[in-house]
Amino acid sequence: GGIGAYFGGRLAAAGVDVALIARGAHLRALQADGLHVRSP
């Protein structure tokens, strides 16, 4: 979710092999289009 995906995204962007466990519409969007993190 908000916390887990944020840290997972940051780790993945740094080159770490990351897999996310999610559910519902969020899971389907992650599978179809990846993760997007918007942050200052």
Full PDB file with SEQRES, HELIX, SHEET, SSBOND, CRYST1, ORIGX, SCALE, CONECT and MASTER records, all heavy atoms in Angstrom:
SEQRES   1 A   40  GLY GLY ILE GLY ALA TYR PHE GLY GLY ARG LEU ALA ALA          
SEQRES   2 A   40  ALA GLY VAL ASP VAL ALA LEU ILE ALA ARG GLY ALA HIS          
SEQRES   3 A   40  LEU ARG ALA LEU GLN ALA ASP GLY LEU HIS VAL ARG SER          
SEQRES   4 A   40  PRO                                                          
HELIX    1 AA1 GLY A    2  ALA A   13  1                                  12    
HELIX    2 AA2 GLY A   24  ASP A   33  1                                  10    
CRYST1    1.000    1.000    1.000  90.00  90.00  90.00 P 1           1          
ORIGX1      1.000000  0.000000  0.000000        0.00000                         
ORIGX2      0.000000  1.000000  0.000000        0.00000                         
ORIGX3      0.000000  0.000000  1.000000        0.00000                         
SCALE1      1.000000  0.000000  0.000000        0.00000                         
SCALE2      0.000000  1.000000  0.000000        0.00000                         
SCALE3      0.000000  0.000000  1.000000        0.00000                         
ATOM      1  N   GLY A   1       0.841  -1.195   0.000  1.00  0.00           N  
ATOM      2  CA  GLY A   1       0.000   0.000   0.000  1.00  0.00           C  
ATOM      3  C   GLY A   1       0.874   1.241   0.000  1.00  0.00           C  
ATOM      4  O   GLY A   1       1.965   1.249  -0.579  1.00  0.00           O  
ATOM      5  N   GLY A   2       0.412   2.286   0.669  1.00  0.00           N  
ATOM      6  CA  GLY A   2       1.137   3.554   0.673  1.00  0.00           C  
ATOM      7  C   GLY A   2       2.554   3.446   1.201  1.00  0.00           C  
ATOM      8  O   GLY A   2       3.506   3.916   0.572  1.00  0.00           O  
ATOM      9  N   ILE A   3       2.725   2.811   2.343  1.00  0.00           N  
ATOM     10  CA  ILE A   3       4.055   2.677   2.954  1.00  0.00           C  
ATOM     11  C   ILE A   3       4.886   1.627   2.201  1.00  0.00           C  
ATOM     12  O   ILE A   3       6.013   1.880   1.787  1.00  0.00           O  
ATOM     13  CB  ILE A   3       3.935   2.289   4.445  1.00  0.00           C  
ATOM     14  CG1 ILE A   3       3.210   3.381   5.236  1.00  0.00           C  
ATOM     15  CG2 ILE A   3       5.309   1.977   5.040  1.00  0.00           C  
ATOM     16  CD1 ILE A   3       3.942   4.686   5.346  1.00  0.00           C  
ATOM     17  N   GLY A   4       4.341   0.433   2.054  1.00  0.00           N  
ATOM     18  CA  GLY A   4       5.085  -0.653   1.434  1.00  0.00           C  
ATOM     19  C   GLY A   4       5.500  -0.356   0.008  1.00  0.00           C  
ATOM     20  O   GLY A   4       6.646  -0.611  -0.389  1.00  0.00           O  
ATOM     21  N   ALA A   5       4.590   0.169  -0.788  1.00  0.00           N  
ATOM     22  CA  ALA A   5       4.918   0.471  -2.184  1.00  0.00           C  
ATOM     23  C   ALA A   5       5.940   1.606  -2.272  1.00  0.00           C  
ATOM     24  O   ALA A   5       6.808   1.583  -3.149  1.00  0.00           O  
ATOM     25  CB  ALA A   5       3.661   0.809  -2.972  1.00  0.00           C  
ATOM     26  N   TYR A   6       5.854   2.583  -1.374  1.00  0.00           N  
ATOM     27  CA  TYR A   6       6.847   3.661  -1.383  1.00  0.00           C  
ATOM     28  C   TYR A   6       8.253   3.089  -1.187  1.00  0.00           C  
ATOM     29  O   TYR A   6       9.153   3.337  -1.980  1.00  0.00           O  
ATOM     30  CB  TYR A   6       6.540   4.705  -0.304  1.00  0.00           C  
ATOM     31  CG  TYR A   6       7.600   5.775  -0.239  1.00  0.00           C  
ATOM     32  CD1 TYR A   6       7.573   6.851  -1.121  1.00  0.00           C  
ATOM     33  CD2 TYR A   6       8.661   5.686   0.667  1.00  0.00           C  
ATOM     34  CE1 TYR A   6       8.578   7.818  -1.093  1.00  0.00           C  
ATOM     35  CE2 TYR A   6       9.654   6.643   0.700  1.00  0.00           C  
ATOM     36  CZ  TYR A   6       9.611   7.711  -0.178  1.00  0.00           C  
ATOM     37  OH  TYR A   6      10.603   8.649  -0.150  1.00  0.00           O  
ATOM     38  N   PHE A   7       8.432   2.301  -0.124  1.00  0.00           N  
ATOM     39  CA  PHE A   7       9.758   1.744   0.141  1.00  0.00           C  
ATOM     40  C   PHE A   7      10.169   0.741  -0.930  1.00  0.00           C  
ATOM     41  O   PHE A   7      11.332   0.704  -1.339  1.00  0.00           O  
ATOM     42  CB  PHE A   7       9.824   1.123   1.539  1.00  0.00           C  
ATOM     43  CG  PHE A   7       9.959   2.153   2.615  1.00  0.00           C  
ATOM     44  CD1 PHE A   7       8.916   2.405   3.488  1.00  0.00           C  
ATOM     45  CD2 PHE A   7      11.124   2.887   2.754  1.00  0.00           C  
ATOM     46  CE1 PHE A   7       9.029   3.365   4.474  1.00  0.00           C  
ATOM     47  CE2 PHE A   7      11.250   3.852   3.737  1.00  0.00           C  
ATOM     48  CZ  PHE A   7      10.198   4.103   4.609  1.00  0.00           C  
ATOM     49  N   GLY A   8       9.241  -0.068  -1.398  1.00  0.00           N  
ATOM     50  CA  GLY A   8       9.551  -1.007  -2.475  1.00  0.00           C  
ATOM     51  C   GLY A   8       9.985  -0.283  -3.738  1.00  0.00           C  
ATOM     52  O   GLY A   8      10.943  -0.692  -4.403  1.00  0.00           O  
ATOM     53  N   GLY A   9       9.300   0.789  -4.070  1.00  0.00           N  
ATOM     54  CA  GLY A   9       9.661   1.574  -5.247  1.00  0.00           C  
ATOM     55  C   GLY A   9      11.027   2.212  -5.127  1.00  0.00           C  
ATOM     56  O   GLY A   9      11.822   2.191  -6.072  1.00  0.00           O  
ATOM     57  N   ARG A  10      11.327   2.769  -3.961  1.00  0.00           N  
ATOM     58  CA  ARG A  10      12.640   3.393  -3.747  1.00  0.00           C  
ATOM     59  C   ARG A  10      13.752   2.355  -3.840  1.00  0.00           C  
ATOM     60  O   ARG A  10      14.805   2.597  -4.440  1.00  0.00           O  
ATOM     61  CB  ARG A  10      12.693   4.103  -2.398  1.00  0.00           C  
ATOM     62  CG  ARG A  10      11.849   5.353  -2.329  1.00  0.00           C  
ATOM     63  CD  ARG A  10      12.521   6.478  -3.072  1.00  0.00           C  
ATOM     64  NE  ARG A  10      11.654   7.660  -3.045  1.00  0.00           N  
ATOM     65  CZ  ARG A  10      11.638   8.558  -3.998  1.00  0.00           C  
ATOM     66  NH1 ARG A  10      12.424   8.444  -5.049  1.00  0.00           N  
ATOM     67  NH2 ARG A  10      10.836   9.590  -3.923  1.00  0.00           N  
ATOM     68  N   LEU A  11      13.529   1.185  -3.234  1.00  0.00           N  
ATOM     69  CA  LEU A  11      14.532   0.125  -3.317  1.00  0.00           C  
ATOM     70  C   LEU A  11      14.723  -0.348  -4.755  1.00  0.00           C  
ATOM     71  O   LEU A  11      15.859  -0.536  -5.215  1.00  0.00           O  
ATOM     72  CB  LEU A  11      14.134  -1.047  -2.416  1.00  0.00           C  
ATOM     73  CG  LEU A  11      14.272  -0.807  -0.915  1.00  0.00           C  
ATOM     74  CD1 LEU A  11      13.545  -1.910  -0.142  1.00  0.00           C  
ATOM     75  CD2 LEU A  11      15.733  -0.723  -0.511  1.00  0.00           C  
ATOM     76  N   ALA A  12      13.632  -0.546  -5.479  1.00  0.00           N  
ATOM     77  CA  ALA A  12      13.722  -0.993  -6.878  1.00  0.00           C  
ATOM     78  C   ALA A  12      14.455   0.038  -7.729  1.00  0.00           C  
ATOM     79  O   ALA A  12      15.281  -0.313  -8.574  1.00  0.00           O  
ATOM     80  CB  ALA A  12      12.329  -1.270  -7.433  1.00  0.00           C  
ATOM     81  N   ALA A  13      14.166   1.313  -7.511  1.00  0.00           N  
ATOM     82  CA  ALA A  13      14.826   2.373  -8.277  1.00  0.00           C  
ATOM     83  C   ALA A  13      16.329   2.404  -7.994  1.00  0.00           C  
ATOM     84  O   ALA A  13      17.113   2.825  -8.839  1.00  0.00           O  
ATOM     85  CB  ALA A  13      14.192   3.729  -7.967  1.00  0.00           C  
ATOM     86  N   ALA A  14      16.728   1.922  -6.812  1.00  0.00           N  
ATOM     87  CA  ALA A  14      18.147   1.870  -6.443  1.00  0.00           C  
ATOM     88  C   ALA A  14      18.826   0.594  -6.943  1.00  0.00           C  
ATOM     89  O   ALA A  14      20.004   0.376  -6.690  1.00  0.00           O  
ATOM     90  CB  ALA A  14      18.290   1.985  -4.931  1.00  0.00           C  
ATOM     91  N   GLY A  15      18.062  -0.270  -7.621  1.00  0.00           N  
ATOM     92  CA  GLY A  15      18.649  -1.461  -8.203  1.00  0.00           C  
ATOM     93  C   GLY A  15      18.428  -2.747  -7.429  1.00  0.00           C  
ATOM     94  O   GLY A  15      18.945  -3.793  -7.812  1.00  0.00           O  
ATOM     95  N   VAL A  16      17.659  -2.704  -6.348  1.00  0.00           N  
ATOM     96  CA  VAL A  16      17.374  -3.899  -5.565  1.00  0.00           C  
ATOM     97  C   VAL A  16      16.288  -4.711  -6.273  1.00  0.00           C  
ATOM     98  O   VAL A  16      15.361  -4.154  -6.853  1.00  0.00           O  
ATOM     99  CB  VAL A  16      16.927  -3.516  -4.132  1.00  0.00           C  
ATOM    100  CG1 VAL A  16      16.531  -4.742  -3.329  1.00  0.00           C  
ATOM    101  CG2 VAL A  16      18.029  -2.739  -3.418  1.00  0.00           C  
ATOM    102  N   ASP A  17      16.400  -6.024  -6.221  1.00  0.00           N  
ATOM    103  CA  ASP A  17      15.397  -6.934  -6.776  1.00  0.00           C  
ATOM    104  C   ASP A  17      14.212  -6.969  -5.814  1.00  0.00           C  
ATOM    105  O   ASP A  17      14.304  -7.568  -4.736  1.00  0.00           O  
ATOM    106  CB  ASP A  17      16.015  -8.321  -6.948  1.00  0.00           C  
ATOM    107  CG  ASP A  17      15.056  -9.337  -7.538  1.00  0.00           C  
ATOM    108  OD1 ASP A  17      13.906  -8.995  -7.865  1.00  0.00           O  
ATOM    109  OD2 ASP A  17      15.475 -10.509  -7.671  1.00  0.00           O  
ATOM    110  N   VAL A  18      13.111  -6.306  -6.184  1.00  0.00           N  
ATOM    111  CA  VAL A  18      11.942  -6.149  -5.309  1.00  0.00           C  
ATOM    112  C   VAL A  18      10.717  -6.762  -5.967  1.00  0.00           C  
ATOM    113  O   VAL A  18      10.480  -6.582  -7.157  1.00  0.00           O  
ATOM    114  CB  VAL A  18      11.657  -4.651  -5.029  1.00  0.00           C  
ATOM    115  CG1 VAL A  18      10.390  -4.483  -4.200  1.00  0.00           C  
ATOM    116  CG2 VAL A  18      12.838  -4.001  -4.323  1.00  0.00           C  
ATOM    117  N   ALA A  19       9.925  -7.460  -5.155  1.00  0.00           N  
ATOM    118  CA  ALA A  19       8.618  -7.957  -5.583  1.00  0.00           C  
ATOM    119  C   ALA A  19       7.580  -7.450  -4.592  1.00  0.00           C  
ATOM    120  O   ALA A  19       7.816  -7.440  -3.377  1.00  0.00           O  
ATOM    121  CB  ALA A  19       8.610  -9.477  -5.616  1.00  0.00           C  
ATOM    122  N   LEU A  20       6.452  -7.019  -5.114  1.00  0.00           N  
ATOM    123  CA  LEU A  20       5.374  -6.496  -4.279  1.00  0.00           C  
ATOM    124  C   LEU A  20       4.247  -7.514  -4.172  1.00  0.00           C  
ATOM    125  O   LEU A  20       3.892  -8.155  -5.161  1.00  0.00           O  
ATOM    126  CB  LEU A  20       4.806  -5.209  -4.874  1.00  0.00           C  
ATOM    127  CG  LEU A  20       5.794  -4.060  -5.120  1.00  0.00           C  
ATOM    128  CD1 LEU A  20       5.058  -2.875  -5.738  1.00  0.00           C  
ATOM    129  CD2 LEU A  20       6.502  -3.655  -3.844  1.00  0.00           C  
ATOM    130  N   ILE A  21       3.676  -7.626  -2.973  1.00  0.00           N  
ATOM    131  CA  ILE A  21       2.485  -8.444  -2.761  1.00  0.00           C  
ATOM    132  C   ILE A  21       1.356  -7.479  -2.442  1.00  0.00           C  
ATOM    133  O   ILE A  21       1.391  -6.757  -1.445  1.00  0.00           O  
ATOM    134  CB  ILE A  21       2.696  -9.461  -1.628  1.00  0.00           C  
ATOM    135  CG1 ILE A  21       3.878 -10.361  -1.971  1.00  0.00           C  
ATOM    136  CG2 ILE A  21       1.423 -10.276  -1.396  1.00  0.00           C  
ATOM    137  CD1 ILE A  21       4.364 -11.209  -0.821  1.00  0.00           C  
ATOM    138  N   ALA A  22       0.381  -7.452  -3.327  1.00  0.00           N  
ATOM    139  CA  ALA A  22      -0.728  -6.504  -3.221  1.00  0.00           C  
ATOM    140  C   ALA A  22      -2.020  -7.237  -3.571  1.00  0.00           C  
ATOM    141  O   ALA A  22      -2.029  -8.454  -3.761  1.00  0.00           O  
ATOM    142  CB  ALA A  22      -0.485  -5.315  -4.155  1.00  0.00           C  
ATOM    143  N   ARG A  23      -3.099  -6.475  -3.697  1.00  0.00           N  
ATOM    144  CA  ARG A  23      -4.377  -7.091  -4.053  1.00  0.00           C  
ATOM    145  C   ARG A  23      -5.254  -6.083  -4.791  1.00  0.00           C  
ATOM    146  O   ARG A  23      -4.968  -4.895  -4.823  1.00  0.00           O  
ATOM    147  CB  ARG A  23      -5.078  -7.623  -2.809  1.00  0.00           C  
ATOM    148  CG  ARG A  23      -5.362  -6.579  -1.770  1.00  0.00           C  
ATOM    149  CD  ARG A  23      -5.909  -7.205  -0.493  1.00  0.00           C  
ATOM    150  NE  ARG A  23      -6.101  -6.159   0.507  1.00  0.00           N  
ATOM    151  CZ  ARG A  23      -6.379  -6.385   1.756  1.00  0.00           C  
ATOM    152  NH1 ARG A  23      -6.531  -7.608   2.201  1.00  0.00           N  
ATOM    153  NH2 ARG A  23      -6.530  -5.394   2.602  1.00  0.00           N  
ATOM    154  N   GLY A  24      -6.304  -6.594  -5.387  1.00  0.00           N  
ATOM    155  CA  GLY A  24      -7.338  -5.763  -6.001  1.00  0.00           C  
ATOM    156  C   GLY A  24      -6.869  -4.932  -7.177  1.00  0.00           C  
ATOM    157  O   GLY A  24      -5.961  -5.300  -7.924  1.00  0.00           O  
ATOM    158  N   ALA A  25      -7.501  -3.777  -7.318  1.00  0.00           N  
ATOM    159  CA  ALA A  25      -7.220  -2.875  -8.432  1.00  0.00           C  
ATOM    160  C   ALA A  25      -5.778  -2.379  -8.408  1.00  0.00           C  
ATOM    161  O   ALA A  25      -5.159  -2.182  -9.465  1.00  0.00           O  
ATOM    162  CB  ALA A  25      -8.190  -1.692  -8.416  1.00  0.00           C  
ATOM    163  N   HIS A  26      -5.233  -2.187  -7.222  1.00  0.00           N  
ATOM    164  CA  HIS A  26      -3.843  -1.737  -7.101  1.00  0.00           C  
ATOM    165  C   HIS A  26      -2.903  -2.792  -7.694  1.00  0.00           C  
ATOM    166  O   HIS A  26      -1.999  -2.462  -8.475  1.00  0.00           O  
ATOM    167  CB  HIS A  26      -3.524  -1.463  -5.631  1.00  0.00           C  
ATOM    168  CG  HIS A  26      -2.189  -0.854  -5.378  1.00  0.00           C  
ATOM    169  ND1 HIS A  26      -1.736   0.290  -5.996  1.00  0.00           N  
ATOM    170  CD2 HIS A  26      -1.190  -1.238  -4.536  1.00  0.00           C  
ATOM    171  CE1 HIS A  26      -0.523   0.589  -5.555  1.00  0.00           C  
ATOM    172  NE2 HIS A  26      -0.173  -0.329  -4.670  1.00  0.00           N  
ATOM    173  N   LEU A  27      -3.126  -4.054  -7.374  1.00  0.00           N  
ATOM    174  CA  LEU A  27      -2.324  -5.136  -7.937  1.00  0.00           C  
ATOM    175  C   LEU A  27      -2.431  -5.154  -9.454  1.00  0.00           C  
ATOM    176  O   LEU A  27      -1.411  -5.237 -10.162  1.00  0.00           O  
ATOM    177  CB  LEU A  27      -2.749  -6.485  -7.362  1.00  0.00           C  
ATOM    178  CG  LEU A  27      -2.127  -7.720  -8.025  1.00  0.00           C  
ATOM    179  CD1 LEU A  27      -0.612  -7.702  -7.916  1.00  0.00           C  
ATOM    180  CD2 LEU A  27      -2.723  -8.993  -7.433  1.00  0.00           C  
ATOM    181  N   ARG A  28      -3.633  -5.072  -9.972  1.00  0.00           N  
ATOM    182  CA  ARG A  28      -3.817  -5.117 -11.423  1.00  0.00           C  
ATOM    183  C   ARG A  28      -3.093  -3.958 -12.110  1.00  0.00           C  
ATOM    184  O   ARG A  28      -2.465  -4.140 -13.159  1.00  0.00           O  
ATOM    185  CB  ARG A  28      -5.297  -5.140 -11.775  1.00  0.00           C  
ATOM    186  CG  ARG A  28      -5.975  -6.457 -11.378  1.00  0.00           C  
ATOM    187  CD  ARG A  28      -7.398  -6.555 -11.869  1.00  0.00           C  
ATOM    188  NE  ARG A  28      -8.292  -5.571 -11.269  1.00  0.00           N  
ATOM    189  CZ  ARG A  28      -8.866  -5.713 -10.071  1.00  0.00           C  
ATOM    190  NH1 ARG A  28      -8.641  -6.782  -9.337  1.00  0.00           N  
ATOM    191  NH2 ARG A  28      -9.679  -4.776  -9.618  1.00  0.00           N  
ATOM    192  N   ALA A  29      -3.117  -2.776 -11.509  1.00  0.00           N  
ATOM    193  CA  ALA A  29      -2.414  -1.627 -12.086  1.00  0.00           C  
ATOM    194  C   ALA A  29      -0.901  -1.813 -12.018  1.00  0.00           C  
ATOM    195  O   ALA A  29      -0.186  -1.475 -12.973  1.00  0.00           O  
ATOM    196  CB  ALA A  29      -2.826  -0.340 -11.367  1.00  0.00           C  
ATOM    197  N   LEU A  30      -0.400  -2.349 -10.908  1.00  0.00           N  
ATOM    198  CA  LEU A  30       1.036  -2.615 -10.789  1.00  0.00           C  
ATOM    199  C   LEU A  30       1.500  -3.593 -11.862  1.00  0.00           C  
ATOM    200  O   LEU A  30       2.558  -3.413 -12.463  1.00  0.00           O  
ATOM    201  CB  LEU A  30       1.352  -3.179  -9.400  1.00  0.00           C  
ATOM    202  CG  LEU A  30       1.181  -2.236  -8.213  1.00  0.00           C  
ATOM    203  CD1 LEU A  30       1.247  -3.017  -6.906  1.00  0.00           C  
ATOM    204  CD2 LEU A  30       2.209  -1.124  -8.243  1.00  0.00           C  
ATOM    205  N   GLN A  31       0.707  -4.633 -12.097  1.00  0.00           N  
ATOM    206  CA  GLN A  31       1.059  -5.633 -13.100  1.00  0.00           C  
ATOM    207  C   GLN A  31       1.001  -5.067 -14.516  1.00  0.00           C  
ATOM    208  O   GLN A  31       1.828  -5.407 -15.360  1.00  0.00           O  
ATOM    209  CB  GLN A  31       0.130  -6.846 -12.979  1.00  0.00           C  
ATOM    210  CG  GLN A  31       0.355  -7.636 -11.706  1.00  0.00           C  
ATOM    211  CD  GLN A  31      -0.708  -8.690 -11.473  1.00  0.00           C  
ATOM    212  OE1 GLN A  31      -1.886  -8.502 -11.804  1.00  0.00           O  
ATOM    213  NE2 GLN A  31      -0.309  -9.811 -10.880  1.00  0.00           N  
ATOM    214  N   ALA A  32       0.044  -4.192 -14.767  1.00  0.00           N  
ATOM    215  CA  ALA A  32      -0.148  -3.661 -16.119  1.00  0.00           C  
ATOM    216  C   ALA A  32       0.803  -2.517 -16.462  1.00  0.00           C  
ATOM    217  O   ALA A  32       1.279  -2.420 -17.598  1.00  0.00           O  
ATOM    218  CB  ALA A  32      -1.596  -3.185 -16.293  1.00  0.00           C  
ATOM    219  N   ASP A  33       1.076  -1.648 -15.475  1.00  0.00           N  
ATOM    220  CA  ASP A  33       1.790  -0.408 -15.798  1.00  0.00           C  
ATOM    221  C   ASP A  33       2.921  -0.071 -14.827  1.00  0.00           C  
ATOM    222  O   ASP A  33       3.468   1.014 -14.870  1.00  0.00           O  
ATOM    223  CB  ASP A  33       0.781   0.744 -15.854  1.00  0.00           C  
ATOM    224  CG  ASP A  33       1.336   1.980 -16.521  1.00  0.00           C  
ATOM    225  OD1 ASP A  33       2.099   1.848 -17.506  1.00  0.00           O  
ATOM    226  OD2 ASP A  33       1.035   3.094 -16.037  1.00  0.00           O  
ATOM    227  N   GLY A  34       3.255  -0.973 -13.903  1.00  0.00           N  
ATOM    228  CA  GLY A  34       4.332  -0.697 -12.956  1.00  0.00           C  
ATOM    229  C   GLY A  34       3.886   0.213 -11.828  1.00  0.00           C  
ATOM    230  O   GLY A  34       2.706   0.554 -11.696  1.00  0.00           O  
ATOM    231  N   LEU A  35       4.848   0.605 -11.024  1.00  0.00           N  
ATOM    232  CA  LEU A  35       4.603   1.455  -9.859  1.00  0.00           C  
ATOM    233  C   LEU A  35       5.061   2.875 -10.152  1.00  0.00           C  
ATOM    234  O   LEU A  35       6.145   3.095 -10.698  1.00  0.00           O  
ATOM    235  CB  LEU A  35       5.368   0.910  -8.648  1.00  0.00           C  
ATOM    236  CG  LEU A  35       5.353   1.778  -7.392  1.00  0.00           C  
ATOM    237  CD1 LEU A  35       3.939   1.903  -6.819  1.00  0.00           C  
ATOM    238  CD2 LEU A  35       6.306   1.200  -6.345  1.00  0.00           C  
ATOM    239  N   HIS A  36       4.239   3.828  -9.749  1.00  0.00           N  
ATOM    240  CA  HIS A  36       4.553   5.250  -9.888  1.00  0.00           C  
ATOM    241  C   HIS A  36       4.546   5.866  -8.495  1.00  0.00           C  
ATOM    242  O   HIS A  36       3.567   5.724  -7.766  1.00  0.00           O  
ATOM    243  CB  HIS A  36       3.524   5.946 -10.777  1.00  0.00           C  
ATOM    244  CG  HIS A  36       3.285   5.197 -12.052  1.00  0.00           C  
ATOM    245  ND1 HIS A  36       4.184   5.205 -13.098  1.00  0.00           N  
ATOM    246  CD2 HIS A  36       2.286   4.367 -12.425  1.00  0.00           C  
ATOM    247  CE1 HIS A  36       3.721   4.441 -14.063  1.00  0.00           C  
ATOM    248  NE2 HIS A  36       2.577   3.911 -13.676  1.00  0.00           N  
ATOM    249  N   VAL A  37       5.648   6.515  -8.138  1.00  0.00           N  
ATOM    250  CA  VAL A  37       5.753   7.202  -6.854  1.00  0.00           C  
ATOM    251  C   VAL A  37       5.921   8.681  -7.137  1.00  0.00           C  
ATOM    252  O   VAL A  37       6.802   9.083  -7.895  1.00  0.00           O  
ATOM    253  CB  VAL A  37       6.948   6.679  -6.017  1.00  0.00           C  
ATOM    254  CG1 VAL A  37       7.087   7.475  -4.724  1.00  0.00           C  
ATOM    255  CG2 VAL A  37       6.790   5.192  -5.715  1.00  0.00           C  
ATOM    256  N   ARG A  38       5.059   9.487  -6.545  1.00  0.00           N  
ATOM    257  CA  ARG A  38       5.130  10.936  -6.688  1.00  0.00           C  
ATOM    258  C   ARG A  38       5.553  11.501  -5.342  1.00  0.00           C  
ATOM    259  O   ARG A  38       4.901  11.256  -4.330  1.00  0.00           O  
ATOM    260  CB  ARG A  38       3.774  11.513  -7.115  1.00  0.00           C  
ATOM    261  CG  ARG A  38       3.273  10.938  -8.442  1.00  0.00           C  
ATOM    262  CD  ARG A  38       4.230  11.283  -9.578  1.00  0.00           C  
ATOM    263  NE  ARG A  38       3.938  10.563 -10.808  1.00  0.00           N  
ATOM    264  CZ  ARG A  38       4.734   9.633 -11.326  1.00  0.00           C  
ATOM    265  NH1 ARG A  38       5.854   9.304 -10.735  1.00  0.00           N  
ATOM    266  NH2 ARG A  38       4.421   9.033 -12.446  1.00  0.00           N  
ATOM    267  N   SER A  39       6.663  12.232  -5.327  1.00  0.00           N  
ATOM    268  CA  SER A  39       7.255  12.657  -4.065  1.00  0.00           C  
ATOM    269  C   SER A  39       8.082  13.915  -4.242  1.00  0.00           C  
ATOM    270  O   SER A  39       8.725  14.091  -5.277  1.00  0.00           O  
ATOM    271  CB  SER A  39       8.168  11.534  -3.545  1.00  0.00           C  
ATOM    272  OG  SER A  39       8.946  11.954  -2.450  1.00  0.00           O  
ATOM    273  N   PRO A  40       8.115  14.772  -3.219  1.00  0.00           N  
ATOM    274  CA  PRO A  40       9.018  15.920  -3.266  1.00  0.00           C  
ATOM    275  C   PRO A  40      10.494  15.489  -3.296  1.00  0.00           C  
ATOM    276  O   PRO A  40      11.360  16.254  -3.672  1.00  0.00           O  
ATOM    277  CB  PRO A  40       8.717  16.707  -1.990  1.00  0.00           C  
ATOM    278  CG  PRO A  40       7.705  15.946  -1.232  1.00  0.00           C  
ATOM    279  CD  PRO A  40       7.279  14.768  -2.025  1.00  0.00           C  
TER     280      PRO A  40                                                      
MASTER        0    0    0    2    0    0    0    6  279    1    0    4          
END                                                                             
